[in-house]
PDB file of N, CA and C in Angstrom:
ATOM      1  N   UNK A   1      88.764 105.510 113.762  1.00  0.00           N
ATOM      2  CA  UNK A   1      90.086 104.934 113.903  1.00  0.00           C
ATOM      3  C   UNK A   1      90.717 104.699 112.547  1.00  0.00           C
ATOM      4  N   UNK A   2      92.024 104.529 112.524  1.00  0.00           N
ATOM      5  CA  UNK A   2      92.774 104.392 111.274  1.00  0.00           C
ATOM      6  C   UNK A   2      93.135 102.932 111.024  1.00  0.00           C
ATOM      7  N   UNK A   3      92.910 102.494 109.798  1.00  0.00           N
ATOM      8  CA  UNK A   3      93.251 101.125 109.401  1.00  0.00           C
ATOM      9  C   UNK A   3      94.749 101.062 109.077  1.00  0.00           C
ATOM     10  N   UNK A   4      95.407  99.984 109.504  1.00  0.00           N
ATOM     11  CA  UNK A   4      96.837  99.817 109.235  1.00  0.00           C
ATOM     12  C   UNK A   4      97.063  99.696 107.733  1.00  0.00           C
ATOM     13  N   UNK A   5      98.117 100.332 107.258  1.00  0.00           N
ATOM     14  CA  UNK A   5      98.443 100.286 105.832  1.00  0.00           C
ATOM     15  C   UNK A   5      99.348  99.093 105.559  1.00  0.00           C
ATOM     16  N   UNK A   6      99.201  98.488 104.378  1.00  0.00           N
ATOM     17  CA  UNK A   6     100.054  97.349 104.023  1.00  0.00           C
ATOM     18  C   UNK A   6     101.522  97.771 103.910  1.00  0.00           C
ATOM     19  N   UNK A   7     102.406  96.931 104.416  1.00  0.00           N
ATOM     20  CA  UNK A   7     103.842  97.208 104.419  1.00  0.00           C
ATOM     21  C   UNK A   7     104.581  96.024 103.786  1.00  0.00           C
ATOM     22  N   UNK A   8     105.541  96.316 102.945  1.00  0.00           N
ATOM     23  CA  UNK A   8     106.378  95.281 102.334  1.00  0.00           C
ATOM     24  C   UNK A   8     107.325  94.730 103.395  1.00  0.00           C
ATOM     25  N   UNK A   9     107.273  93.423 103.617  1.00  0.00           N
ATOM     26  CA  UNK A   9     108.147  92.789 104.616  1.00  0.00           C
ATOM     27  C   UNK A   9     109.597  92.731 104.160  1.00  0.00           C
ATOM     28  N   UNK A  10     109.829  92.915 102.860  1.00  0.00           N
ATOM     29  CA  UNK A  10     111.182  92.840 102.319  1.00  0.00           C
ATOM     30  C   UNK A  10     111.929  94.162 102.433  1.00  0.00           C
ATOM     31  N   UNK A  11     111.255  95.267 102.049  1.00  0.00           N
ATOM     32  CA  UNK A  11     111.960  96.556 102.030  1.00  0.00           C
ATOM     33  C   UNK A  11     111.345  97.622 102.933  1.00  0.00           C
ATOM     34  N   UNK A  12     110.170  97.349 103.496  1.00  0.00           N
ATOM     35  CA  UNK A  12     109.554  98.287 104.426  1.00  0.00           C
ATOM     36  C   UNK A  12     108.700  99.369 103.789  1.00  0.00           C
ATOM     37  N   UNK A  13     108.559  99.360 102.479  1.00  0.00           N
ATOM     38  CA  UNK A  13     107.747 100.371 101.800  1.00  0.00           C
ATOM     39  C   UNK A  13     106.289 100.217 102.224  1.00  0.00           C
ATOM     40  N   UNK A  14     105.617 101.342 102.466  1.00  0.00           N
ATOM     41  CA  UNK A  14     104.230 101.360 102.912  1.00  0.00           C
ATOM     42  C   UNK A  14     103.315 101.711 101.740  1.00  0.00           C
ATOM     43  N   UNK A  15     102.176 101.041 101.662  1.00  0.00           N
ATOM     44  CA  UNK A  15     101.236 101.239 100.562  1.00  0.00           C
ATOM     45  C   UNK A  15      99.859 101.623 101.089  1.00  0.00           C
ATOM     46  N   UNK A  16      99.092 102.302 100.250  1.00  0.00           N
ATOM     47  CA  UNK A  16      97.750 102.707 100.641  1.00  0.00           C
ATOM     48  C   UNK A  16      96.741 101.581 100.450  1.00  0.00           C
ATOM     49  N   UNK A  17      97.080 100.624  99.579  1.00  0.00           N
ATOM     50  CA  UNK A  17      96.161  99.517  99.291  1.00  0.00           C
ATOM     51  C   UNK A  17      96.926  98.204  99.193  1.00  0.00           C
ATOM     52  N   UNK A  18      96.259  97.110  99.532  1.00  0.00           N
ATOM     53  CA  UNK A  18      96.868  95.788  99.453  1.00  0.00           C
ATOM     54  C   UNK A  18      97.218  95.430  98.012  1.00  0.00           C
ATOM     55  N   UNK A  19      96.406  95.878  97.059  1.00  0.00           N
ATOM     56  CA  UNK A  19      96.681  95.562  95.651  1.00  0.00           C
ATOM     57  C   UNK A  19      98.002  96.192  95.198  1.00  0.00           C
ATOM     58  N   UNK A  20      98.310  97.357  95.720  1.00  0.00           N
ATOM     59  CA  UNK A  20      99.580  98.004  95.379  1.00  0.00           C
ATOM     60  C   UNK A  20     100.762  97.219  95.948  1.00  0.00           C
ATOM     61  N   UNK A  21     100.587  96.686  97.143  1.00  0.00           N
ATOM     62  CA  UNK A  21     101.638  95.855  97.743  1.00  0.00           C
ATOM     63  C   UNK A  21     101.829  94.582  96.923  1.00  0.00           C
ATOM     64  N   UNK A  22     100.741  93.952  96.493  1.00  0.00           N
ATOM     65  CA  UNK A  22     100.860  92.737  95.675  1.00  0.00           C
ATOM     66  C   UNK A  22     101.614  93.020  94.378  1.00  0.00           C
ATOM     67  N   UNK A  23     101.307  94.127  93.732  1.00  0.00           N
ATOM     68  CA  UNK A  23     102.004  94.513  92.500  1.00  0.00           C
ATOM     69  C   UNK A  23     103.485  94.760  92.794  1.00  0.00           C
ATOM     70  N   UNK A  24     103.770  95.449  93.891  1.00  0.00           N
ATOM     71  CA  UNK A  24     105.140  95.747  94.301  1.00  0.00           C
ATOM     72  C   UNK A  24     105.947  94.473  94.554  1.00  0.00           C
ATOM     73  N   UNK A  25     105.319  93.454  95.118  1.00  0.00           N
ATOM     74  CA  UNK A  25     106.022  92.220  95.464  1.00  0.00           C
ATOM     75  C   UNK A  25     106.583  91.511  94.234  1.00  0.00           C
ATOM     76  N   UNK A  26     106.051  91.780  93.056  1.00  0.00           N
ATOM     77  CA  UNK A  26     106.601  91.198  91.830  1.00  0.00           C
ATOM     78  C   UNK A  26     108.076  91.576  91.664  1.00  0.00           C
ATOM     79  N   UNK A  27     108.432  92.774  92.115  1.00  0.00           N
ATOM     80  CA  UNK A  27     109.816  93.241  92.006  1.00  0.00           C
ATOM     81  C   UNK A  27     110.734  92.320  92.797  1.00  0.00           C
ATOM     82  N   UNK A  28     110.356  92.018  94.043  1.00  0.00           N
ATOM     83  CA  UNK A  28     111.189  91.189  94.907  1.00  0.00           C
ATOM     84  C   UNK A  28     111.188  89.725  94.470  1.00  0.00           C
ATOM     85  N   UNK A  29     110.073  89.268  93.943  1.00  0.00           N
ATOM     86  CA  UNK A  29     109.949  87.866  93.536  1.00  0.00           C
ATOM     87  C   UNK A  29     110.478  87.614  92.125  1.00  0.00           C
ATOM     88  N   UNK A  30     110.732  88.675  91.377  1.00  0.00           N
ATOM     89  CA  UNK A  30     111.232  88.522  90.020  1.00  0.00           C
ATOM     90  C   UNK A  30     110.163  88.122  89.017  1.00  0.00           C
ATOM     91  N   UNK A  31     108.896  88.316  89.375  1.00  0.00           N
ATOM     92  CA  UNK A  31     107.793  87.957  88.487  1.00  0.00           C
ATOM     93  C   UNK A  31     107.604  89.073  87.460  1.00  0.00           C
ATOM     94  N   UNK A  32     107.645  88.701  86.179  1.00  0.00           N
ATOM     95  CA  UNK A  32     107.507  89.672  85.095  1.00  0.00           C
ATOM     96  C   UNK A  32     106.491  89.145  84.083  1.00  0.00           C
ATOM     97  N   UNK A  33     105.200  89.368  84.366  1.00  0.00           N
ATOM     98  CA  UNK A  33     104.157  88.793  83.513  1.00  0.00           C
ATOM     99  C   UNK A  33     103.889  89.548  82.212  1.00  0.00           C
ATOM    100  N   UNK A  34     104.446  90.738  82.058  1.00  0.00           N
ATOM    101  CA  UNK A  34     104.173  91.547  80.864  1.00  0.00           C
ATOM    102  C   UNK A  34     105.366  91.463  79.921  1.00  0.00           C
ATOM    103  N   UNK A  35     105.184  90.770  78.794  1.00  0.00           N
ATOM    104  CA  UNK A  35     106.277  90.468  77.875  1.00  0.00           C
ATOM    105  C   UNK A  35     106.065  91.171  76.538  1.00  0.00           C
ATOM    106  N   UNK A  36     107.113  91.811  76.053  1.00  0.00           N
ATOM    107  CA  UNK A  36     107.081  92.469  74.754  1.00  0.00           C
ATOM    108  C   UNK A  36     107.013  91.396  73.662  1.00  0.00           C
ATOM    109  N   UNK A  37     106.006  91.487  72.815  1.00  0.00           N
ATOM    110  CA  UNK A  37     105.837  90.523  71.727  1.00  0.00           C
ATOM    111  C   UNK A  37     106.843  90.752  70.598  1.00  0.00           C
ATOM    112  N   UNK A  38     107.510  91.883  70.611  1.00  0.00           N
ATOM    113  CA  UNK A  38     108.464  92.206  69.557  1.00  0.00           C
ATOM    114  C   UNK A  38     109.894  91.750  69.862  1.00  0.00           C
ATOM    115  N   UNK A  39     110.286  91.782  71.154  1.00  0.00           N
ATOM    116  CA  UNK A  39     111.670  91.413  71.475  1.00  0.00           C
ATOM    117  C   UNK A  39     111.797  90.433  72.639  1.00  0.00           C
ATOM    118  N   UNK A  40     110.695  90.180  73.353  1.00  0.00           N
ATOM    119  CA  UNK A  40     110.728  89.221  74.451  1.00  0.00           C
ATOM    120  C   UNK A  40     111.115  89.782  75.806  1.00  0.00           C
ATOM    121  N   UNK A  41     111.437  91.064  75.883  1.00  0.00           N
ATOM    122  CA  UNK A  41     111.795  91.666  77.169  1.00  0.00           C
ATOM    123  C   UNK A  41     110.564  91.666  78.067  1.00  0.00           C
ATOM    124  N   UNK A  42     110.767  91.334  79.357  1.00  0.00           N
ATOM    125  CA  UNK A  42     109.650  91.212  80.285  1.00  0.00           C
ATOM    126  C   UNK A  42     109.697  92.298  81.362  1.00  0.00           C
ATOM    127  N   UNK A  43     108.501  92.626  81.887  1.00  0.00           N
ATOM    128  CA  UNK A  43     108.348  93.712  82.855  1.00  0.00           C
ATOM    129  C   UNK A  43     107.419  93.303  83.987  1.00  0.00           C
ATOM    130  N   UNK A  44     107.591  93.953  85.137  1.00  0.00           N
ATOM    131  CA  UNK A  44     106.746  93.655  86.294  1.00  0.00           C
ATOM    132  C   UNK A  44     105.399  94.363  86.214  1.00  0.00           C
ATOM    133  N   UNK A  45     105.337  95.474  85.494  1.00  0.00           N
ATOM    134  CA  UNK A  45     104.099  96.249  85.419  1.00  0.00           C
ATOM    135  C   UNK A  45     103.732  96.562  83.969  1.00  0.00           C
ATOM    136  N   UNK A  46     102.429  96.611  83.724  1.00  0.00           N
ATOM    137  CA  UNK A  46     101.894  96.868  82.394  1.00  0.00           C
ATOM    138  C   UNK A  46     102.375  98.211  81.841  1.00  0.00           C
ATOM    139  N   UNK A  47     102.405  99.235  82.676  1.00  0.00           N
ATOM    140  CA  UNK A  47     102.816 100.555  82.184  1.00  0.00           C
ATOM    141  C   UNK A  47     104.272 100.564  81.734  1.00  0.00           C
ATOM    142  N   UNK A  48     105.103  99.712  82.339  1.00  0.00           N
ATOM    143  CA  UNK A  48     106.497  99.609  81.910  1.00  0.00           C
ATOM    144  C   UNK A  48     106.571  99.023  80.502  1.00  0.00           C
ATOM    145  N   UNK A  49     105.740  98.016  80.237  1.00  0.00           N
ATOM    146  CA  UNK A  49     105.695  97.418  78.906  1.00  0.00           C
ATOM    147  C   UNK A  49     105.209  98.429  77.882  1.00  0.00           C
ATOM    148  N   UNK A  50     104.167  99.166  78.218  1.00  0.00           N
ATOM    149  CA  UNK A  50     103.634 100.172  77.292  1.00  0.00           C
ATOM    150  C   UNK A  50     104.706 101.190  76.913  1.00  0.00           C
ATOM    151  N   UNK A  51     105.452 101.644  77.894  1.00  0.00           N
ATOM    152  CA  UNK A  51     106.531 102.603  77.630  1.00  0.00           C
ATOM    153  C   UNK A  51     107.604 101.974  76.748  1.00  0.00           C
ATOM    154  N   UNK A  52     107.961 100.731  77.034  1.00  0.00           N
ATOM    155  CA  UNK A  52     108.982 100.031  76.267  1.00  0.00           C
ATOM    156  C   UNK A  52     108.582  99.849  74.802  1.00  0.00           C
ATOM    157  N   UNK A  53     107.333  99.482  74.557  1.00  0.00           N
ATOM    158  CA  UNK A  53     106.878  99.206  73.185  1.00  0.00           C
ATOM    159  C   UNK A  53     107.072 100.426  72.290  1.00  0.00           C
ATOM    160  N   UNK A  54     106.995 101.595  72.863  1.00  0.00           N
ATOM    161  CA  UNK A  54     107.218 102.824  72.081  1.00  0.00           C
ATOM    162  C   UNK A  54     108.624 102.870  71.499  1.00  0.00           C
ATOM    163  N   UNK A  55     109.586 102.183  72.119  1.00  0.00           N
ATOM    164  CA  UNK A  55     110.945 102.175  71.568  1.00  0.00           C
ATOM    165  C   UNK A  55     110.984 101.433  70.235  1.00  0.00           C
ATOM    166  N   UNK A  56     110.025 100.534  70.020  1.00  0.00           N
ATOM    167  CA  UNK A  56     109.940  99.785  68.764  1.00  0.00           C
ATOM    168  C   UNK A  56     109.069 100.492  67.730  1.00  0.00           C
ATOM    169  N   UNK A  57     107.948 101.039  68.198  1.00  0.00           N
ATOM    170  CA  UNK A  57     106.915 101.510  67.274  1.00  0.00           C
ATOM    171  C   UNK A  57     106.751 103.018  67.227  1.00  0.00           C
ATOM    172  N   UNK A  58     107.160 103.696  68.295  1.00  0.00           N
ATOM    173  CA  UNK A  58     106.897 105.123  68.401  1.00  0.00           C
ATOM    174  C   UNK A  58     105.472 105.416  68.831  1.00  0.00           C
ATOM    175  N   UNK A  59     104.682 104.345  69.058  1.00  0.00           N
ATOM    176  CA  UNK A  59     103.287 104.496  69.460  1.00  0.00           C
ATOM    177  C   UNK A  59     103.037 103.686  70.726  1.00  0.00           C
ATOM    178  N   UNK A  60     102.067 104.106  71.541  1.00  0.00           N
ATOM    179  CA  UNK A  60     101.718 103.325  72.726  1.00  0.00           C
ATOM    180  C   UNK A  60     101.086 101.990  72.340  1.00  0.00           C
ATOM    181  N   UNK A  61     101.260 101.008  73.203  1.00  0.00           N
ATOM    182  CA  UNK A  61     100.678  99.689  72.990  1.00  0.00           C
ATOM    183  C   UNK A  61      99.195  99.728  73.314  1.00  0.00           C
ATOM    184  N   UNK A  62      98.368  99.182  72.445  1.00  0.00           N
ATOM    185  CA  UNK A  62      96.932  99.068  72.712  1.00  0.00           C
ATOM    186  C   UNK A  62      96.721  97.806  73.529  1.00  0.00           C
ATOM    187  N   UNK A  63      96.309  97.973  74.790  1.00  0.00           N
ATOM    188  CA  UNK A  63      96.131  96.834  75.686  1.00  0.00           C
ATOM    189  C   UNK A  63      94.664  96.574  75.919  1.00  0.00           C
ATOM    190  N   UNK A  64      94.298  95.311  76.030  1.00  0.00           N
ATOM    191  CA  UNK A  64      92.932  94.958  76.409  1.00  0.00           C
ATOM    192  C   UNK A  64      93.005  94.206  77.725  1.00  0.00           C
ATOM    193  N   UNK A  65      92.267  94.687  78.711  1.00  0.00           N
ATOM    194  CA  UNK A  65      92.270  94.045  80.041  1.00  0.00           C
ATOM    195  C   UNK A  65      90.925  93.450  80.299  1.00  0.00           C
TER     196      UNK A  65
END
């Protein structure tokens, strides 16, 4: 049998994993935990911050998780 996939109650988007839905919910809640140390701009996802940091340095951000 097939397990039900997580669905966003706000926009209806369907996800393959609950963790993806939790990450997605940051968009609707306005939660932006990833902050650029150079200019203060905040992002909902780590990869968005990494891409942004290149605008300052031309290099990817070295992240430790």
